[in-house]
Structure formats: structure tokens, C-alpha cells
Amino acid sequence: MGGLGHTLGIYCEDEKIIEAFAIDKPVARIIINSGTTFGGISATTAVQPSLTLGCGSFGNNITSDNIEPQHLLNIKRLAYGIREMPKQEADVKVENPALV
């Protein structure tokens, strides 16, 4: 089944119904009171403009974002340690020490 997790639309004025719909549906974006074709790419909504839309884990994608140029860049991050992990003694009884 193609498109799982992509986009759904609902025309409704009742916020409780919209919220229940959003919670229930396994999709990355729900367009409310606007067409999904143009709403999903930001022509009629305030989502990030894009012509490539991720489906998230619902559709076995790595992202549910609207794909932007920043998603196409390889960004290297340097992460310095800022704290040590607390040391804990193992409280485990080992029957065969050779397996440790």
C-alpha cells in the first residue's frame, strides 16, 4: 500500500473532532480545511515549503519532515563530553566467570 503515513486532510470546524482525528491517524501531516495537494507543500498552509515530503516511520521513511535543502547536507558535529557517567557496581551473581 503506497503512501502510508504521507498526508491526510479533514474539513471540519470542531477542534475536538480535529484533535481526535489527528491522534488516531498514522500520518506525518494532516491538512485542515485546505486541499492536501497544495497544503502539504505549503502553497496554502504554513508548513515548510517542499516538493518532497517524508512519511516518517508510518511509511518506513527516516523522516516525516518536508524535505528541505538542509536535509541534503552532510553535517558533521563535534560533541565534547560535558559530564561523566556515574559508575555503578554490578550486583549480578555470575555462575560461570569465564562467560564475563
Foldseek 3Di string as FASTA:
>chain_A
DPPFQAEEEDEDDDVVVVVVVVVPGNHLYYHYNDDCVCVVQPNPHNAPHAPAADRPVRRPGPDRHRDDVVNVDDDDDDDDDDDDDDDDDDPDDDPDVVVD
